[in-house]
Amino acid sequence: MKLLLVALLTALCLLRIPSVVKVAEARASWVASVFGLAALYVLGTVTPLETIDSYLGGINVANLLQAIFALLAIFFFNDSVRRLANVAVRWPYYAPLLSIPIMIASFALVKDKAPTSADFIDYRMDQLATAVYSGSYMLALLFTVLRIIYMLRHKARGLYATFSAGLLVVAAAVSCHLTYVLLFHFSPWHTFAEAIGSWFDRLFYAGLSVTAAGWLILFLSKQIPKLRLWMIDALWLTGLRIRVHADHSRVSPAWDLFNETLENGVYKSLIVLHNYQRGNLTAFPESVQGRISQIEAKLDAQG
């Protein structure tokens, strides 16, 4: 399940790079996917955990980084949803970030943090500092996830319903871990606490995979029709600009293709090519001019 999540987040990171440059609203979701990938990497999903943590002193600092990266991933996804739902920023929005200094301070107070272990938390749950460290992390996650679900309440249809369903599973996972922390540290029911806590990994990564899959499908469902409609025209016009040296700078055609939406890029290329013809008192061959006219007619029809 973790490798599936790595694949989904990698696809999101790569596919959203152009939109990050063009659309400010897309940047928060892209940063969220980057932090999500970083959290999975530090978890030892790609490179062995022992190797990663050895560069950090071999005292499970990788566990702290994973928690911080995961929290930041959920936080920035929350920001993306906030923009989507057009919700104003109020002070509770930043509340989860307050847990980061608490996590760092409590982690520093944990005794005998070595050696590197994937079960770092479980082996040290008898310490109050460990309970505070893990509990504050999970409480911040739960607050943020529930906030996202609340903001999506009016959009809980189709793929947005997939977001909500996946996040509900994540909330259930986090609740299981919080229950485990409280019962293990503050009650004698350790076996029962461990049984509840064992559900965290199963539910957490399954819920995040569902959410990431919905996120990816939503992105593709919005982009594929635009790609089918304008990509060939945008590439053809860009190639024509380069071939006839219609720009003062050689990088301008490629930059416009990357920095503009496809439709705006097509429109800008047409203007550049018309200016080139007027400035040089020249005309394109009939076949080329015919293709340009077809693209202009398609733009007019879309307008």
Foldseek 3Di string as FASTA:
>chain_A
DLVLLLVLLVVVLVVCVLVVLAPVLCVLLNLLSVLQNVLSVLLCVPPRVQVSCVVVVQLAVSVLSSLVSNLSSLLSVLVSLCVVLVPDDDPVSCVLVVLSVLLVVLSVVQPPSDHDDSCSLVVRLQDPSSLSNLLSSLVSLLVSLVSSLVSCVVVCDDLSVLLNVLSVLLNQLSVLLNQLSCCCHPHPPNVVSVVSNVCNVVRNVSSSSSNSVSVSVVVCVVVVVQCVVQVVLLVVLLVVCLVVVLDPDNCVSVCLCSNHRRLVSNVVSLVSVVCSCVVVVHDDPPVVVVVNVVVVVVNVVVD
